[in-house]
Amino acid sequence: MSLLLTGGAVFLNGAFRNTDVAINEGRIVSVSPTLPREGFSVIELHNQLLVPGFVDVHVHLREPGFSYKETIFSGTAAAARGGYTAVCAMPNLKPVPDNMEHLQVQLDAIAKNGKIHVYPYGAITRDEQGETLADFAAMAPFVAGFSDDGKGVQSEERMLQAMLLAKSVDRPIVAHSEDNTLLPKGWCVHDGEYARANGLIGNPSESEWRQVERDLRLVRETGCRYHLCHISTKESVALIRQAKAEGLPVSCETGPHYLLLCDADLQNEGRFRMNPPIRSSADRDALLEGLLDGTIDCIATDHAPHSAQEKSGSLQESLNGIVGLECAFSVLYTQLVETGVVPLELLLRAMCVTPRRLFGLPGGEIAPGEIADLTVLDVNRPHVVNAADFRSLGHATPFDGWGVSAAVAMTICGGEVVYADLAQQEAL
């Protein structure tokens, strides 16, 4: 398809410029203020923003093995609606992608049903059991990295071996950091004020940062690339900041819910339960500071859908995991950019540019020759987040009912329109 996008503000070299963008055969062919329209399908952007497609390096698509929670089709449709043109899919599946035979099941499903680019992770250990290492060498050409997300690797010796092996195949370790010896049985929220006020068992911050501390020591020893998942505590921010100051090859992500909420905002509903839990206001403030100073590299939703039954109970009765692909930009823009806390350019780097650089993914720049993975944003589109309308099979989000001022108007992946809102559909 040949497309000409005109009349918008285009994100170029970290700033917005009024220019046209022409696309042909899946790639950007020209970026110029006035391009000829002959031979192109013209899309009028009406002063909307054109940015590189969002990337989420931490999603759970649930297929194969748990398709009643989500499928590759429904999950990537949700991602497209949220402005994402690429996601990295976590390996807590059935079968777990711990060798090529198991990974191929997932790769085949992605090729058949993915609406956007999906880059899977391979597991660190067989069946994510923390014991025998997975087949790194065979899977390395086909995965974004190696993770046992959902479980911390408890054995220091095993993590050391994994880092050495990951380095040898030039892939990062993508770590869910959690020390099981510090987790009380039956926890459901952060070990803080809400837990104490409501008689609930809390998950202490130390369960995260103690293993971060251990892993960074191993990075110093091995030189392995290390990416920390869903950072949630002020101590983890400080540890990563220090590691970066030392020049270690480390990076990290946090989620919208950790940047926008604290345990004072909790309600006794399953849509507020996730792992790690939403923590204190001091942790939230430290995460925002880490985003602003570059300690936190990217924002990832940890999109983790479950069935309505699995999330319809109280905090104690529900499974860990929320969804967020379809509203992440809207809530972040409204709460952080419009309020002046975070510059829009920084938010876009965290959602569009840096994730691609960290994981070696194509795109991230609007320039001739680049892959045509683009997102159109309307920052003057007031609406209310309505989880019932999500394309994801999972509807549990703490952002349900939030008033927001911005929306994704269109998503273009490989030069094809994979999502357009009603206003843009009428213009096509």
Protein backbone atom coordinates (compact mmCIF):
# COMPACT_ATOMS: atom_id res chain seq x y z
CA MET A 1 0.00 0.00 0.00
CA SER A 2 1.24 3.51 -0.85
CA LEU A 3 0.21 6.09 1.74
CA LEU A 4 0.80 9.80 2.09
CA LEU A 5 0.28 11.22 5.57
CA THR A 6 -0.13 14.97 5.47
CA GLY A 7 -1.19 17.85 7.70
CA GLY A 8 0.29 16.52 10.91
CA ALA A 9 3.13 17.32 13.30
CA VAL A 10 5.83 14.67 12.83
CA PHE A 11 8.25 13.57 15.57
CA LEU A 12 11.69 14.06 13.98
CA ASN A 13 14.98 14.01 15.87
CA GLY A 14 13.29 14.57 19.20
CA ALA A 15 11.03 17.44 18.14
CA PHE A 16 7.85 18.02 16.13
CA ARG A 17 7.87 19.46 12.61
CA ASN A 18 5.05 20.01 10.14
CA THR A 19 5.89 17.78 7.21
CA ASP A 20 4.48 15.04 4.97
CA VAL A 21 5.46 11.37 5.14
CA ALA A 22 5.20 9.02 2.17
CA ILE A 23 5.08 5.23 2.53
CA ASN A 24 5.50 2.55 -0.11
CA GLU A 25 5.92 -1.22 0.19
CA GLY A 26 6.11 -1.11 3.96
CA ARG A 27 8.80 1.54 4.26
CA ILE A 28 9.03 5.30 4.54
CA VAL A 29 10.19 6.62 1.18
CA SER A 30 10.12 10.38 1.74
CA VAL A 31 9.78 12.98 4.49
CA SER A 32 9.28 16.51 3.15
CA PRO A 33 7.01 19.53 3.78
CA THR A 34 5.22 19.21 0.41
CA LEU A 35 5.05 15.88 -1.37
CA PRO A 36 3.11 15.10 -4.57
CA ARG A 37 -0.08 13.15 -3.99
CA GLU A 38 -0.22 11.22 -7.27
CA GLY A 39 -0.15 7.47 -6.77
CA PHE A 40 -0.79 7.64 -3.01
CA SER A 41 -3.78 7.10 -0.77
CA VAL A 42 -3.83 10.35 1.19
CA ILE A 43 -4.51 10.45 4.91
CA GLU A 44 -5.22 13.90 6.31
CA LEU A 45 -3.96 14.13 9.89
CA HIS A 46 -5.58 17.48 10.77
CA ASN A 47 -2.77 18.61 13.10
CA GLN A 48 -2.56 15.29 14.90
CA LEU A 49 0.85 13.96 15.97
CA LEU A 50 2.71 11.32 13.95
CA VAL A 51 5.25 9.36 15.99
CA PRO A 52 7.18 6.10 15.66
CA GLY A 53 5.02 3.13 16.62
CA PHE A 54 4.96 2.33 20.33
CA VAL A 55 6.87 -0.71 21.57
CA ASP A 56 5.96 -2.69 24.70
CA VAL A 57 8.78 -4.98 25.81
CA HIS A 58 6.64 -6.75 28.41
CA VAL A 59 3.32 -8.31 27.46
CA HIS A 60 1.60 -11.62 28.12
CA LEU A 61 -0.25 -12.91 25.06
CA ARG A 62 -1.14 -16.22 26.79
CA GLU A 63 -1.01 -18.32 23.60
CA PRO A 64 -0.16 -21.18 23.44
CA GLY A 65 -1.65 -22.75 26.51
CA PHE A 66 -3.98 -20.16 28.02
CA SER A 67 -6.10 -18.87 25.15
CA TYR A 68 -9.14 -18.44 27.38
CA LYS A 69 -7.26 -15.46 28.90
CA GLU A 70 -5.92 -13.95 25.65
CA THR A 71 -4.90 -15.00 22.15
CA ILE A 72 -2.20 -13.66 19.89
CA PHE A 73 -4.95 -12.22 17.69
CA SER A 74 -6.85 -10.49 20.52
CA GLY A 75 -3.69 -9.34 22.27
CA THR A 76 -2.11 -7.85 19.16
CA ALA A 77 -5.44 -6.23 18.21
CA ALA A 78 -5.45 -4.61 21.64
CA ALA A 79 -1.85 -3.52 21.15
CA ALA A 80 -2.66 -2.00 17.75
CA ARG A 81 -5.54 -0.07 19.27
CA GLY A 82 -3.15 1.26 21.89
CA GLY A 83 -0.71 2.50 19.25
CA TYR A 84 1.77 -0.36 19.53
CA THR A 85 3.44 -1.76 16.43
CA ALA A 86 5.68 -4.19 18.29
CA VAL A 87 5.52 -6.15 21.53
CA CYS A 88 7.83 -8.59 23.27
CA ALA A 89 5.90 -11.61 24.54
CA MET A 90 6.68 -13.27 27.86
CA PRO A 91 7.34 -17.03 28.03
CA ASN A 92 4.99 -18.19 30.81
CA LEU A 93 3.09 -20.34 28.31
CA LYS A 94 2.28 -23.99 27.77
CA PRO A 95 4.55 -25.32 26.47
CA VAL A 96 7.13 -22.94 27.91
CA PRO A 97 9.45 -21.83 25.07
CA ASP A 98 12.57 -23.41 26.57
CA ASN A 99 13.74 -25.19 23.38
CA MET A 100 13.14 -24.77 19.66
CA GLU A 101 10.35 -27.33 19.47
CA HIS A 102 8.34 -25.46 22.10
CA LEU A 103 9.25 -22.02 20.76
CA GLN A 104 8.16 -23.03 17.26
CA VAL A 105 4.58 -23.54 18.47
CA GLN A 106 4.52 -19.89 19.51
CA LEU A 107 6.30 -18.67 16.38
CA ASP A 108 3.76 -20.44 14.16
CA ALA A 109 0.85 -18.86 16.04
CA ILE A 110 2.46 -15.42 15.79
CA ALA A 111 2.97 -15.79 12.04
CA LYS A 112 -0.64 -16.86 11.58
CA ASN A 113 -2.50 -14.47 13.87
CA GLY A 114 -0.31 -11.52 14.86
CA LYS A 115 -1.60 -8.12 13.70
CA ILE A 116 1.67 -6.39 14.64
CA HIS A 117 5.29 -7.46 15.19
CA VAL A 118 5.68 -9.92 18.08
CA TYR A 119 9.13 -10.75 19.43
CA PRO A 120 9.01 -13.65 21.89
CA TYR A 121 11.28 -14.23 24.85
CA GLY A 122 12.81 -17.61 25.52
CA ALA A 123 12.74 -18.95 29.05
CA ILE A 124 15.85 -18.84 31.22
CA THR A 125 15.18 -22.26 32.72
CA ARG A 126 13.31 -25.33 31.56
CA ASP A 127 9.60 -24.96 32.28
CA GLU A 128 10.53 -21.82 34.26
CA GLN A 129 11.37 -24.05 37.22
CA GLY A 130 14.65 -22.33 38.07
CA GLU A 131 16.81 -25.42 37.69
CA THR A 132 18.16 -26.61 34.31
CA LEU A 133 18.95 -23.87 31.82
CA ALA A 134 16.89 -23.60 28.63
CA ASP A 135 18.41 -24.10 25.18
CA PHE A 136 19.79 -20.59 24.73
CA ALA A 137 21.95 -21.34 21.70
CA ALA A 138 19.14 -22.77 19.58
CA MET A 139 16.58 -20.09 20.46
CA ALA A 140 18.84 -17.02 20.41
CA PRO A 141 18.26 -16.08 16.73
CA PHE A 142 14.49 -16.07 17.27
CA VAL A 143 14.03 -14.33 20.64
CA ALA A 144 14.42 -10.84 22.08
CA GLY A 145 16.09 -12.16 25.22
CA PHE A 146 15.67 -14.69 28.01
CA SER A 147 13.27 -14.36 30.94
CA ASP A 148 11.50 -16.47 33.54
CA ASP A 149 9.02 -13.64 34.06
CA GLY A 150 6.54 -14.38 36.78
CA LYS A 151 9.30 -16.04 38.75
CA GLY A 152 12.63 -14.84 40.04
CA VAL A 153 15.58 -17.17 39.48
CA GLN A 154 16.27 -18.13 43.08
CA SER A 155 19.65 -19.80 42.65
CA GLU A 156 22.59 -17.39 42.39
CA GLU A 157 24.65 -20.11 40.73
CA ARG A 158 21.94 -20.68 38.11
CA MET A 159 21.63 -16.97 37.36
CA LEU A 160 25.39 -16.70 36.99
CA GLN A 161 25.36 -19.57 34.50
CA ALA A 162 22.43 -17.99 32.65
CA MET A 163 24.19 -14.64 32.36
CA LEU A 164 27.33 -16.24 30.98
CA LEU A 165 25.32 -18.21 28.45
CA ALA A 166 23.18 -15.20 27.47
CA LYS A 167 26.32 -13.14 26.91
CA SER A 168 27.79 -15.86 24.70
CA VAL A 169 24.74 -15.70 22.39
CA ASP A 170 24.46 -11.89 22.60
CA ARG A 171 21.03 -11.70 24.20
CA PRO A 172 19.95 -9.94 27.40
CA ILE A 173 18.69 -11.49 30.59
CA VAL A 174 15.27 -9.93 31.23
CA ALA A 175 14.73 -10.43 34.91
CA HIS A 176 11.69 -10.71 37.10
CA SER A 177 13.40 -9.87 40.38
CA GLU A 178 11.83 -11.57 43.37
CA ASP A 179 13.38 -13.30 46.38
CA ASN A 180 10.91 -15.95 47.46
CA THR A 181 12.45 -16.21 50.94
CA LEU A 182 11.22 -12.68 51.64
CA LEU A 183 7.64 -13.25 50.43
CA PRO A 184 5.03 -14.04 53.10
CA LYS A 185 2.44 -16.63 52.18
CA GLY A 186 -0.88 -15.13 51.14
CA TRP A 187 0.34 -11.64 50.23
CA CYS A 188 -1.91 -9.60 47.96
CA VAL A 189 -0.74 -5.97 48.23
CA HIS A 190 2.35 -3.94 49.11
CA ASP A 191 3.51 -4.15 52.71
CA GLY A 192 2.44 -0.62 53.55
CA GLU A 193 -0.31 1.55 54.94
CA TYR A 194 -3.18 -0.02 52.99
CA ALA A 195 -2.17 -3.52 54.06
CA ARG A 196 -1.98 -2.53 57.72
CA ALA A 197 -5.23 -0.56 57.65
CA ASN A 198 -7.14 -3.44 56.03
CA GLY A 199 -5.56 -6.41 57.77
CA LEU A 200 -3.97 -7.77 54.58
CA ILE A 201 -0.65 -9.56 54.12
CA GLY A 202 1.86 -7.37 52.36
CA ASN A 203 4.68 -7.96 49.88
CA PRO A 204 7.79 -6.10 51.17
CA SER A 205 9.88 -3.94 48.85
CA GLU A 206 12.94 -5.93 49.88
CA SER A 207 11.61 -8.98 48.01
CA GLU A 208 12.35 -7.06 44.79
CA TRP A 209 15.42 -5.01 45.52
CA ARG A 210 17.41 -7.70 47.30
CA GLN A 211 17.45 -9.80 44.13
CA VAL A 212 18.20 -6.72 42.02
CA GLU A 213 21.21 -6.18 44.27
CA ARG A 214 22.32 -9.79 43.73
CA ASP A 215 21.83 -9.66 39.96
CA LEU A 216 23.79 -6.43 39.58
CA ARG A 217 26.68 -8.04 41.42
CA LEU A 218 26.56 -10.86 38.86
CA VAL A 219 26.43 -8.34 36.00
CA ARG A 220 29.63 -6.79 37.35
CA GLU A 221 31.20 -10.25 37.23
CA THR A 222 29.91 -11.36 33.81
CA GLY A 223 29.32 -8.21 31.73
CA CYS A 224 25.99 -9.67 30.62
CA ARG A 225 23.31 -7.30 29.29
CA TYR A 226 20.64 -7.14 31.96
CA HIS A 227 17.13 -5.66 31.76
CA LEU A 228 15.02 -5.40 34.89
CA CYS A 229 11.29 -5.95 34.50
CA HIS A 230 8.52 -3.85 36.09
CA ILE A 231 10.66 -1.93 38.58
CA SER A 232 8.47 -0.83 41.51
CA THR A 233 10.59 0.29 44.48
CA LYS A 234 12.69 3.32 45.32
CA GLU A 235 15.56 1.03 46.34
CA SER A 236 15.58 -0.64 42.92
CA VAL A 237 15.71 2.79 41.25
CA ALA A 238 18.73 3.74 43.36
CA LEU A 239 20.50 0.44 42.59
CA ILE A 240 19.96 0.77 38.84
CA ARG A 241 21.05 4.42 38.92
CA GLN A 242 24.30 3.44 40.62
CA ALA A 243 24.86 0.55 38.20
CA LYS A 244 24.46 2.88 35.25
CA ALA A 245 26.88 5.35 36.81
CA GLU A 246 29.39 2.50 36.94
CA GLY A 247 28.87 1.88 33.25
CA LEU A 248 27.26 -1.53 33.62
CA PRO A 249 25.15 -2.80 30.68
CA VAL A 250 21.84 -2.52 32.54
CA SER A 251 18.41 -1.14 31.69
CA CYS A 252 14.96 -1.25 33.22
CA GLU A 253 11.27 -0.60 32.70
CA THR A 254 8.35 0.40 34.84
CA GLY A 255 4.61 0.33 34.22
CA PRO A 256 2.00 3.09 33.97
CA HIS A 257 0.33 1.84 37.14
CA TYR A 258 3.54 2.25 39.17
CA LEU A 259 4.04 5.80 37.85
CA LEU A 260 0.45 6.93 38.42
CA LEU A 261 -0.77 5.07 41.51
CA CYS A 262 0.30 4.25 45.06
CA ASP A 263 -1.17 1.99 47.71
CA ALA A 264 -3.36 4.83 49.00
CA ASP A 265 -5.29 4.50 45.71
CA LEU A 266 -6.06 0.80 46.13
CA GLN A 267 -9.58 -0.58 46.11
CA ASN A 268 -10.50 -4.06 47.25
CA GLU A 269 -11.00 -5.33 43.71
CA GLY A 270 -9.03 -7.74 41.55
CA ARG A 271 -8.23 -5.03 39.00
CA PHE A 272 -5.80 -3.53 41.56
CA ARG A 273 -3.81 -6.71 42.11
CA MET A 274 -0.56 -7.37 40.28
CA ASN A 275 3.01 -8.52 40.92
CA PRO A 276 4.93 -6.52 41.95
CA PRO A 277 2.17 -4.67 43.76
CA ILE A 278 1.45 -0.96 43.58
CA ARG A 279 3.68 0.42 46.30
CA SER A 280 3.96 3.60 48.40
CA SER A 281 3.82 7.22 47.31
CA ALA A 282 7.56 7.47 48.02
CA ASP A 283 8.19 4.62 45.60
CA ARG A 284 5.97 6.24 42.97
CA ASP A 285 7.82 9.54 43.33
CA ALA A 286 11.19 7.78 43.02
CA LEU A 287 10.02 6.04 39.84
CA LEU A 288 8.97 9.38 38.33
CA GLU A 289 12.35 10.84 39.23
CA GLY A 290 14.03 7.81 37.67
CA LEU A 291 12.06 8.29 34.47
CA LEU A 292 13.00 11.95 34.32
CA ASP A 293 16.72 11.42 34.92
CA GLY A 294 17.05 8.46 32.54
CA THR A 295 17.50 5.73 35.15
CA ILE A 296 14.29 4.14 33.88
CA ASP A 297 14.64 3.50 30.16
CA CYS A 298 11.17 2.54 29.03
CA ILE A 299 7.55 2.17 30.02
CA ALA A 300 6.01 -1.27 29.59
CA THR A 301 2.47 -2.22 30.51
CA ASP A 302 3.06 -5.79 31.76
CA HIS A 303 -0.25 -6.50 30.00
CA ALA A 304 -1.37 -9.65 31.83
CA PRO A 305 -4.94 -10.65 30.98
CA HIS A 306 -7.00 -13.14 32.96
CA SER A 307 -10.58 -14.31 32.67
CA ALA A 308 -13.36 -12.33 34.32
CA GLN A 309 -13.79 -15.09 36.89
CA GLU A 310 -10.11 -14.99 37.82
CA LYS A 311 -10.23 -11.21 38.41
CA SER A 312 -13.76 -10.65 39.73
CA GLY A 313 -13.00 -11.24 43.38
CA SER A 314 -11.34 -9.16 46.07
CA LEU A 315 -7.63 -8.44 46.27
CA GLN A 316 -7.13 -11.64 48.24
CA GLU A 317 -9.25 -13.75 45.90
CA SER A 318 -7.93 -12.63 42.50
CA LEU A 319 -4.90 -13.61 40.45
CA ASN A 320 -2.01 -11.22 39.86
CA GLY A 321 -2.11 -9.28 36.60
CA ILE A 322 -3.83 -6.35 34.90
CA VAL A 323 -4.21 -5.13 31.31
CA GLY A 324 -3.16 -1.77 29.94
CA LEU A 325 -2.19 -1.78 26.27
CA GLU A 326 -5.30 0.06 25.12
CA CYS A 327 -5.15 2.97 27.55
CA ALA A 328 -1.46 3.36 28.46
CA PHE A 329 -0.72 6.39 26.32
CA SER A 330 -4.00 8.11 27.18
CA VAL A 331 -3.53 7.90 30.95
CA LEU A 332 0.19 8.72 30.83
CA TYR A 333 -0.34 11.75 28.60
CA THR A 334 -3.22 13.05 30.69
CA GLN A 335 -1.63 12.52 34.09
CA LEU A 336 2.02 13.26 33.34
CA VAL A 337 2.34 15.39 30.19
CA GLU A 338 -0.67 17.68 30.55
CA THR A 339 0.24 18.31 34.19
CA GLY A 340 3.79 19.28 33.24
CA VAL A 341 5.45 16.45 35.16
CA VAL A 342 6.98 14.73 32.12
CA PRO A 343 7.77 16.31 28.73
CA LEU A 344 5.98 14.67 25.82
CA GLU A 345 9.30 14.08 24.06
CA LEU A 346 10.59 12.08 27.04
CA LEU A 347 7.41 10.01 27.19
CA LEU A 348 7.74 9.21 23.49
CA ARG A 349 11.36 8.17 23.89
CA ALA A 350 10.32 5.77 26.64
CA MET A 351 7.50 4.30 24.54
CA CYS A 352 8.84 4.51 20.97
CA VAL A 353 12.59 4.95 20.69
CA THR A 354 14.57 3.52 23.61
CA PRO A 355 12.84 0.10 23.71
CA ARG A 356 13.87 -0.48 20.08
CA ARG A 357 17.47 0.52 20.79
CA LEU A 358 17.74 -1.69 23.86
CA PHE A 359 16.40 -4.80 22.13
CA GLY A 360 17.76 -4.18 18.64
CA LEU A 361 14.34 -3.82 17.05
CA PRO A 362 13.84 -2.03 13.72
CA GLY A 363 12.23 1.39 13.45
CA GLY A 364 12.06 4.17 15.98
CA GLU A 365 12.89 6.92 13.53
CA ILE A 366 10.74 8.60 10.90
CA ALA A 367 13.17 8.79 7.99
CA PRO A 368 13.47 7.48 4.42
CA GLY A 369 14.32 3.79 4.37
CA GLU A 370 12.94 3.08 7.84
CA ILE A 371 10.19 0.53 8.39
CA ALA A 372 6.76 2.21 8.27
CA ASP A 373 5.69 1.50 11.85
CA LEU A 374 3.87 4.66 12.88
CA THR A 375 1.27 5.89 15.33
CA VAL A 376 -1.08 8.85 14.98
CA LEU A 377 -1.99 10.56 18.25
CA ASP A 378 -4.88 12.91 18.92
CA VAL A 379 -4.06 14.88 22.06
CA ASN A 380 -7.41 16.69 21.95
CA ARG A 381 -9.76 13.72 22.29
CA PRO A 382 -11.45 13.76 25.71
CA HIS A 383 -13.03 10.43 26.63
CA VAL A 384 -13.41 7.97 29.47
CA VAL A 385 -11.47 4.72 29.66
CA ASN A 386 -14.04 1.94 29.29
CA ALA A 387 -12.55 -1.48 29.87
CA ALA A 388 -15.73 -3.17 28.65
CA ASP A 389 -14.86 -1.97 25.14
CA PHE A 390 -11.32 -3.35 25.14
CA ARG A 391 -10.28 -5.62 22.29
CA SER A 392 -8.26 -7.63 24.78
CA LEU A 393 -10.05 -10.59 26.32
CA GLY A 394 -8.90 -9.22 29.68
CA HIS A 395 -10.72 -6.22 31.11
CA ALA A 396 -9.16 -5.83 34.55
CA THR A 397 -7.43 -2.45 34.76
CA PRO A 398 -7.19 0.11 37.58
CA PHE A 399 -7.69 2.81 34.95
CA ASP A 400 -11.28 1.84 34.12
CA GLY A 401 -13.46 4.94 34.36
CA TRP A 402 -10.60 7.44 34.22
CA GLY A 403 -11.21 10.61 32.25
CA VAL A 404 -8.46 11.20 29.71
CA SER A 405 -7.74 13.87 27.12
CA ALA A 406 -5.79 11.98 24.43
CA ALA A 407 -6.29 8.94 22.21
CA VAL A 408 -4.59 6.86 19.56
CA ALA A 409 -6.19 7.75 16.23
CA MET A 410 -4.37 5.31 13.94
CA THR A 411 -1.69 2.63 13.98
CA ILE A 412 0.31 1.71 10.88
CA CYS A 413 2.44 -1.44 10.97
CA GLY A 414 4.67 -2.34 8.04
CA GLY A 415 2.87 0.25 5.94
CA GLU A 416 -0.58 -1.24 6.63
CA VAL A 417 -3.28 0.42 8.71
CA VAL A 418 -3.91 -2.05 11.53
CA TYR A 419 -6.08 0.25 13.63
CA ALA A 420 -8.08 3.40 12.95
CA ASP A 421 -10.62 5.07 15.18
CA LEU A 422 -14.02 6.04 13.77
CA ALA A 423 -12.92 9.53 12.71
CA GLN A 424 -9.92 8.17 10.82
CA GLN A 425 -11.93 5.32 9.29
CA GLU A 426 -14.24 7.89 7.75
CA ALA A 427 -11.21 9.73 6.33
CA LEU A 428 -9.70 6.61 4.76
